[in-house]
Amino acid sequence: MDRVTLLSLAVFICPPALAAQARPGVPHDSVRGAIRVVDLRARTLEVTTGVGFALRVVRLQVPAGVPITNKESGQREPIRLGELKPGDVIRASFGGRPTGFVAYTIERVGRMDAGVHSTP
């Protein structure tokens, strides 16, 4: 009987205790894709990502203190949100909040080719 009582207490007490220890703001997800929209006024980005026909758009809020870097030149140089443009390929870590997804870090890794390709 002691084992059952102890196990029952552990089942009800451990999950809330572990959740209380979780650090807020730790990235829980990441996205890699092409910027679709940059809204400087609202400080948001819309990123198109996916594989094949399974595409989705992720809208990220970008607080003022979020580090944004440029990896295109071979080294990570800090850049401003206003330097990101539609077609830039980024990698971003983010977390969910009641107001939506919030970016923790953003790294520009390249740019989509603007050329139109046709098949012969």
C-alpha atoms as a PDB file:
ATOM      1  CA  MET A   1       0.000   0.000   0.000  1.00  0.00           C
ATOM      2  CA  ASP A   2       2.902   2.387   0.654  1.00  0.00           C
ATOM      3  CA  ARG A   3       4.172   1.984  -2.902  1.00  0.00           C
ATOM      4  CA  VAL A   4       0.799   2.868  -4.389  1.00  0.00           C
ATOM      5  CA  THR A   5       0.505   5.974  -2.209  1.00  0.00           C
ATOM      6  CA  LEU A   6       4.046   7.073  -2.989  1.00  0.00           C
ATOM      7  CA  LEU A   7       3.576   6.472  -6.720  1.00  0.00           C
ATOM      8  CA  SER A   8       0.295   8.393  -6.704  1.00  0.00           C
ATOM      9  CA  LEU A   9       1.925  11.350  -4.997  1.00  0.00           C
ATOM     10  CA  ALA A  10       4.808  11.298  -7.460  1.00  0.00           C
ATOM     11  CA  VAL A  11       2.440  11.274 -10.436  1.00  0.00           C
ATOM     12  CA  PHE A  12       0.555  14.337  -9.183  1.00  0.00           C
ATOM     13  CA  ILE A  13       3.444  16.324  -7.703  1.00  0.00           C
ATOM     14  CA  CYS A  14       6.319  15.798 -10.183  1.00  0.00           C
ATOM     15  CA  PRO A  15       4.825  17.267 -13.401  1.00  0.00           C
ATOM     16  CA  PRO A  16       3.960  20.682 -11.871  1.00  0.00           C
ATOM     17  CA  ALA A  17       7.329  20.786 -10.109  1.00  0.00           C
ATOM     18  CA  LEU A  18       9.170  20.072 -13.357  1.00  0.00           C
ATOM     19  CA  ALA A  19       7.098  22.626 -15.262  1.00  0.00           C
ATOM     20  CA  ALA A  20       7.955  25.277 -12.674  1.00  0.00           C
ATOM     21  CA  GLN A  21      11.653  24.643 -13.312  1.00  0.00           C
ATOM     22  CA  ALA A  22      11.374  25.195 -17.082  1.00  0.00           C
ATOM     23  CA  ARG A  23      13.078  28.413 -18.120  1.00  0.00           C
ATOM     24  CA  PRO A  24      10.828  30.819 -20.018  1.00  0.00           C
ATOM     25  CA  GLY A  25      12.193  32.146 -23.275  1.00  0.00           C
ATOM     26  CA  VAL A  26      14.165  29.026 -24.164  1.00  0.00           C
ATOM     27  CA  PRO A  27      13.668  28.322 -27.878  1.00  0.00           C
ATOM     28  CA  HIS A  28      11.378  25.403 -28.405  1.00  0.00           C
ATOM     29  CA  ASP A  29      11.128  25.472 -32.149  1.00  0.00           C
ATOM     30  CA  SER A  30      12.980  26.704 -35.198  1.00  0.00           C
ATOM     31  CA  VAL A  31      12.141  27.553 -38.763  1.00  0.00           C
ATOM     32  CA  ARG A  32      14.177  27.858 -41.931  1.00  0.00           C
ATOM     33  CA  GLY A  33      12.599  29.469 -44.927  1.00  0.00           C
ATOM     34  CA  ALA A  34      12.185  32.505 -47.147  1.00  0.00           C
ATOM     35  CA  ILE A  35      10.910  35.815 -45.851  1.00  0.00           C
ATOM     36  CA  ARG A  36       7.572  36.634 -47.426  1.00  0.00           C
ATOM     37  CA  VAL A  37       6.766  39.894 -45.621  1.00  0.00           C
ATOM     38  CA  VAL A  38       8.740  42.289 -43.397  1.00  0.00           C
ATOM     39  CA  ASP A  39       6.530  44.672 -41.396  1.00  0.00           C
ATOM     40  CA  LEU A  40       8.805  47.186 -39.677  1.00  0.00           C
ATOM     41  CA  ARG A  41       5.954  49.052 -38.020  1.00  0.00           C
ATOM     42  CA  ALA A  42       4.540  45.919 -36.345  1.00  0.00           C
ATOM     43  CA  ARG A  43       8.034  44.346 -36.007  1.00  0.00           C
ATOM     44  CA  THR A  44       6.922  41.081 -37.608  1.00  0.00           C
ATOM     45  CA  LEU A  45       8.175  38.693 -40.266  1.00  0.00           C
ATOM     46  CA  GLU A  46       6.245  36.163 -42.299  1.00  0.00           C
ATOM     47  CA  VAL A  47       8.389  33.204 -43.301  1.00  0.00           C
ATOM     48  CA  THR A  48       7.371  30.614 -45.909  1.00  0.00           C
ATOM     49  CA  THR A  49       8.714  27.179 -45.119  1.00  0.00           C
ATOM     50  CA  GLY A  50       8.009  23.573 -45.996  1.00  0.00           C
ATOM     51  CA  VAL A  51       8.840  20.708 -48.293  1.00  0.00           C
ATOM     52  CA  GLY A  52       7.337  20.220 -51.740  1.00  0.00           C
ATOM     53  CA  PHE A  53       3.671  21.161 -51.755  1.00  0.00           C
ATOM     54  CA  ALA A  54       3.462  21.100 -47.947  1.00  0.00           C
ATOM     55  CA  LEU A  55       4.078  24.799 -47.378  1.00  0.00           C
ATOM     56  CA  ARG A  56       3.195  26.927 -44.390  1.00  0.00           C
ATOM     57  CA  VAL A  57       3.650  30.537 -43.362  1.00  0.00           C
ATOM     58  CA  VAL A  58       5.024  31.282 -39.904  1.00  0.00           C
ATOM     59  CA  ARG A  59       4.433  34.787 -38.536  1.00  0.00           C
ATOM     60  CA  LEU A  60       7.081  35.869 -36.024  1.00  0.00           C
ATOM     61  CA  GLN A  61       7.036  38.869 -33.729  1.00  0.00           C
ATOM     62  CA  VAL A  62      10.524  40.388 -33.480  1.00  0.00           C
ATOM     63  CA  PRO A  63      11.137  42.258 -30.198  1.00  0.00           C
ATOM     64  CA  ALA A  64      13.715  45.060 -30.268  1.00  0.00           C
ATOM     65  CA  GLY A  65      16.424  43.078 -28.433  1.00  0.00           C
ATOM     66  CA  VAL A  66      16.409  40.032 -30.714  1.00  0.00           C
ATOM     67  CA  PRO A  67      19.848  39.356 -32.221  1.00  0.00           C
ATOM     68  CA  ILE A  68      19.707  39.383 -36.040  1.00  0.00           C
ATOM     69  CA  THR A  69      22.837  38.281 -37.866  1.00  0.00           C
ATOM     70  CA  ASN A  70      23.982  37.922 -41.460  1.00  0.00           C
ATOM     71  CA  LYS A  71      25.854  34.726 -42.312  1.00  0.00           C
ATOM     72  CA  GLU A  72      26.001  35.399 -46.083  1.00  0.00           C
ATOM     73  CA  SER A  73      29.453  36.956 -45.929  1.00  0.00           C
ATOM     74  CA  GLY A  74      30.960  33.916 -44.193  1.00  0.00           C
ATOM     75  CA  GLN A  75      30.932  35.459 -40.750  1.00  0.00           C
ATOM     76  CA  ARG A  76      28.099  36.480 -38.473  1.00  0.00           C
ATOM     77  CA  GLU A  77      27.654  40.225 -38.677  1.00  0.00           C
ATOM     78  CA  PRO A  78      24.850  41.920 -36.718  1.00  0.00           C
ATOM     79  CA  ILE A  79      22.177  43.557 -38.868  1.00  0.00           C
ATOM     80  CA  ARG A  80      18.915  45.424 -38.262  1.00  0.00           C
ATOM     81  CA  LEU A  81      15.393  44.197 -38.928  1.00  0.00           C
ATOM     82  CA  GLY A  82      15.079  46.792 -41.710  1.00  0.00           C
ATOM     83  CA  GLU A  83      17.906  45.107 -43.628  1.00  0.00           C
ATOM     84  CA  LEU A  84      15.900  41.904 -44.060  1.00  0.00           C
ATOM     85  CA  LYS A  85      13.973  41.769 -47.340  1.00  0.00           C
ATOM     86  CA  PRO A  86      11.428  39.444 -48.955  1.00  0.00           C
ATOM     87  CA  GLY A  87      13.314  36.557 -50.545  1.00  0.00           C
ATOM     88  CA  ASP A  88      15.997  36.413 -47.832  1.00  0.00           C
ATOM     89  CA  VAL A  89      16.459  32.899 -46.474  1.00  0.00           C
ATOM     90  CA  ILE A  90      16.606  32.878 -42.695  1.00  0.00           C
ATOM     91  CA  ARG A  91      16.922  30.482 -39.811  1.00  0.00           C
ATOM     92  CA  ALA A  92      15.057  31.571 -36.685  1.00  0.00           C
ATOM     93  CA  SER A  93      14.508  30.100 -33.247  1.00  0.00           C
ATOM     94  CA  PHE A  94      11.241  31.054 -31.596  1.00  0.00           C
ATOM     95  CA  GLY A  95       8.779  30.242 -28.869  1.00  0.00           C
ATOM     96  CA  GLY A  96       5.048  30.421 -28.466  1.00  0.00           C
ATOM     97  CA  ARG A  97       3.374  33.005 -26.277  1.00  0.00           C
ATOM     98  CA  PRO A  98      -0.286  33.935 -25.843  1.00  0.00           C
ATOM     99  CA  THR A  99       0.226  36.736 -28.385  1.00  0.00           C
ATOM    100  CA  GLY A 100       1.746  34.415 -31.024  1.00  0.00           C
ATOM    101  CA  PHE A 101       5.213  33.210 -32.008  1.00  0.00           C
ATOM    102  CA  VAL A 102       8.106  35.363 -30.778  1.00  0.00           C
ATOM    103  CA  ALA A 103      11.576  35.165 -32.344  1.00  0.00           C
ATOM    104  CA  TYR A 104      14.583  34.620 -30.066  1.00  0.00           C
ATOM    105  CA  THR A 105      17.300  34.680 -32.745  1.00  0.00           C
ATOM    106  CA  ILE A 106      17.307  35.305 -36.503  1.00  0.00           C
ATOM    107  CA  GLU A 107      20.126  34.498 -38.905  1.00  0.00           C
ATOM    108  CA  ARG A 108      20.087  35.401 -42.615  1.00  0.00           C
ATOM    109  CA  VAL A 109      21.753  32.503 -44.412  1.00  0.00           C
ATOM    110  CA  GLY A 110      21.179  33.445 -48.048  1.00  0.00           C
ATOM    111  CA  ARG A 111      18.814  34.786 -50.657  1.00  0.00           C
ATOM    112  CA  MET A 112      16.354  33.054 -52.960  1.00  0.00           C
ATOM    113  CA  ASP A 113      17.203  33.180 -56.638  1.00  0.00           C
ATOM    114  CA  ALA A 114      14.952  35.749 -58.307  1.00  0.00           C
ATOM    115  CA  GLY A 115      15.313  34.180 -61.749  1.00  0.00           C
ATOM    116  CA  VAL A 116      12.468  32.263 -63.342  1.00  0.00           C
ATOM    117  CA  HIS A 117      13.399  28.803 -64.511  1.00  0.00           C
ATOM    118  CA  SER A 118      11.588  27.101 -67.363  1.00  0.00           C
ATOM    119  CA  THR A 119      11.756  23.524 -68.499  1.00  0.00           C
ATOM    120  CA  PRO A 120      12.680  22.757 -72.097  1.00  0.00           C
END
